[in-house]
Amino acid sequence: MKKWNFKPNQITAILIVFGGIFFVLYDMFAFYFFTPEDTISYVVNEWAWANPLGIFIAGCVLGGLTVHFLSWAPLEKQVNKNE
């Protein structure tokens, strides 16, 4: 039996890809079998118009988490870090 040697960042990338595929497939499933108002894209669009501040805050939080977990930094800090 072969042992899988995945790194944690590879597992994360795989989960992101499968998550994206799942959401696209569910959106198509909901559109075909239910009504267009039941799709993920419709619900997100409605939330954006109903409460734009909530969507803005969600974007700020997700952006902050992205910067935190990916350790993004200004170019000067990246260059000095490598010296």
C-alpha atoms as a PDB file:
ATOM      1  CA  MET A   1       0.000   0.000   0.000  1.00  0.00           C
ATOM      2  CA  LYS A   2       1.392   3.384  -0.983  1.00  0.00           C
ATOM      3  CA  LYS A   3       1.658   6.066   1.665  1.00  0.00           C
ATOM      4  CA  TRP A   4       0.591   9.572   0.648  1.00  0.00           C
ATOM      5  CA  ASN A   5       3.135  12.285   1.389  1.00  0.00           C
ATOM      6  CA  PHE A   6       1.139  15.489   1.158  1.00  0.00           C
ATOM      7  CA  LYS A   7       2.375  18.699   2.717  1.00  0.00           C
ATOM      8  CA  PRO A   8      -0.175  20.745   4.711  1.00  0.00           C
ATOM      9  CA  ASN A   9      -0.243  23.506   2.075  1.00  0.00           C
ATOM     10  CA  GLN A  10      -0.978  20.924  -0.621  1.00  0.00           C
ATOM     11  CA  ILE A  11      -3.888  19.577   1.412  1.00  0.00           C
ATOM     12  CA  THR A  12      -5.181  23.138   1.814  1.00  0.00           C
ATOM     13  CA  ALA A  13      -4.928  23.747  -1.928  1.00  0.00           C
ATOM     14  CA  ILE A  14      -6.801  20.515  -2.651  1.00  0.00           C
ATOM     15  CA  LEU A  15      -9.574  21.470  -0.207  1.00  0.00           C
ATOM     16  CA  ILE A  16      -9.895  24.919  -1.814  1.00  0.00           C
ATOM     17  CA  VAL A  17     -10.198  23.401  -5.292  1.00  0.00           C
ATOM     18  CA  PHE A  18     -12.751  20.797  -4.202  1.00  0.00           C
ATOM     19  CA  GLY A  19     -14.666  23.426  -2.222  1.00  0.00           C
ATOM     20  CA  GLY A  20     -14.865  25.668  -5.274  1.00  0.00           C
ATOM     21  CA  ILE A  21     -15.984  22.771  -7.457  1.00  0.00           C
ATOM     22  CA  PHE A  22     -18.610  21.823  -4.862  1.00  0.00           C
ATOM     23  CA  PHE A  23     -20.059  25.355  -4.754  1.00  0.00           C
ATOM     24  CA  VAL A  24     -20.215  25.606  -8.547  1.00  0.00           C
ATOM     25  CA  LEU A  25     -21.879  22.202  -8.865  1.00  0.00           C
ATOM     26  CA  TYR A  26     -24.358  22.970  -6.078  1.00  0.00           C
ATOM     27  CA  ASP A  27     -25.190  26.306  -7.712  1.00  0.00           C
ATOM     28  CA  MET A  28     -25.950  24.517 -10.999  1.00  0.00           C
ATOM     29  CA  PHE A  29     -27.924  21.811  -9.153  1.00  0.00           C
ATOM     30  CA  ALA A  30     -30.017  24.385  -7.276  1.00  0.00           C
ATOM     31  CA  PHE A  31     -30.638  26.341 -10.467  1.00  0.00           C
ATOM     32  CA  TYR A  32     -31.776  23.260 -12.353  1.00  0.00           C
ATOM     33  CA  PHE A  33     -33.813  21.450  -9.689  1.00  0.00           C
ATOM     34  CA  PHE A  34     -35.042  24.364  -7.586  1.00  0.00           C
ATOM     35  CA  THR A  35     -35.600  27.998  -8.483  1.00  0.00           C
ATOM     36  CA  PRO A  36     -32.956  30.575  -9.418  1.00  0.00           C
ATOM     37  CA  GLU A  37     -33.637  32.272  -6.060  1.00  0.00           C
ATOM     38  CA  ASP A  38     -32.194  29.188  -4.293  1.00  0.00           C
ATOM     39  CA  THR A  39     -28.711  29.479  -5.785  1.00  0.00           C
ATOM     40  CA  ILE A  40     -25.660  30.604  -3.835  1.00  0.00           C
ATOM     41  CA  SER A  41     -24.968  33.434  -6.266  1.00  0.00           C
ATOM     42  CA  TYR A  42     -28.498  34.818  -5.891  1.00  0.00           C
ATOM     43  CA  VAL A  43     -28.360  34.699  -2.080  1.00  0.00           C
ATOM     44  CA  VAL A  44     -24.969  36.441  -1.958  1.00  0.00           C
ATOM     45  CA  ASN A  45     -26.223  39.089  -4.396  1.00  0.00           C
ATOM     46  CA  GLU A  46     -29.332  39.681  -2.256  1.00  0.00           C
ATOM     47  CA  TRP A  47     -27.239  39.999   0.898  1.00  0.00           C
ATOM     48  CA  ALA A  48     -24.972  42.502  -0.836  1.00  0.00           C
ATOM     49  CA  TRP A  49     -27.927  44.745  -1.709  1.00  0.00           C
ATOM     50  CA  ALA A  50     -29.710  44.257   1.605  1.00  0.00           C
ATOM     51  CA  ASN A  51     -26.720  45.059   3.789  1.00  0.00           C
ATOM     52  CA  PRO A  52     -23.673  46.370   1.880  1.00  0.00           C
ATOM     53  CA  LEU A  53     -21.854  47.111   5.135  1.00  0.00           C
ATOM     54  CA  GLY A  54     -22.036  43.429   6.106  1.00  0.00           C
ATOM     55  CA  ILE A  55     -20.507  42.330   2.800  1.00  0.00           C
ATOM     56  CA  PHE A  56     -17.796  44.998   3.165  1.00  0.00           C
ATOM     57  CA  ILE A  57     -16.974  43.802   6.691  1.00  0.00           C
ATOM     58  CA  ALA A  58     -16.911  40.168   5.529  1.00  0.00           C
ATOM     59  CA  GLY A  59     -14.451  41.134   2.781  1.00  0.00           C
ATOM     60  CA  CYS A  60     -12.256  42.967   5.292  1.00  0.00           C
ATOM     61  CA  VAL A  61     -12.266  39.990   7.652  1.00  0.00           C
ATOM     62  CA  LEU A  62     -11.456  37.501   4.883  1.00  0.00           C
ATOM     63  CA  GLY A  63      -8.765  39.812   3.520  1.00  0.00           C
ATOM     64  CA  GLY A  64      -7.248  40.195   6.972  1.00  0.00           C
ATOM     65  CA  LEU A  65      -7.241  36.446   7.519  1.00  0.00           C
ATOM     66  CA  THR A  66      -5.629  35.927   4.114  1.00  0.00           C
ATOM     67  CA  VAL A  67      -2.863  38.404   4.931  1.00  0.00           C
ATOM     68  CA  HIS A  68      -2.407  36.830   8.363  1.00  0.00           C
ATOM     69  CA  PHE A  69      -2.248  33.200   7.291  1.00  0.00           C
ATOM     70  CA  LEU A  70      -0.239  33.760   4.094  1.00  0.00           C
ATOM     71  CA  SER A  71       2.167  36.140   5.878  1.00  0.00           C
ATOM     72  CA  TRP A  72       1.931  38.805   3.216  1.00  0.00           C
ATOM     73  CA  ALA A  73       4.049  41.839   3.907  1.00  0.00           C
ATOM     74  CA  PRO A  74       5.175  45.001   2.103  1.00  0.00           C
ATOM     75  CA  LEU A  75       8.009  44.440  -0.362  1.00  0.00           C
ATOM     76  CA  GLU A  76      10.575  46.178   1.885  1.00  0.00           C
ATOM     77  CA  LYS A  77       9.886  43.727   4.725  1.00  0.00           C
ATOM     78  CA  GLN A  78      10.092  40.777   2.352  1.00  0.00           C
ATOM     79  CA  VAL A  79      13.456  41.923   0.970  1.00  0.00           C
ATOM     80  CA  ASN A  80      14.925  42.663   4.426  1.00  0.00           C
ATOM     81  CA  LYS A  81      13.640  39.347   5.751  1.00  0.00           C
ATOM     82  CA  ASN A  82      15.670  37.403   3.171  1.00  0.00           C
ATOM     83  CA  GLU A  83      18.973  39.124   3.954  1.00  0.00           C
END
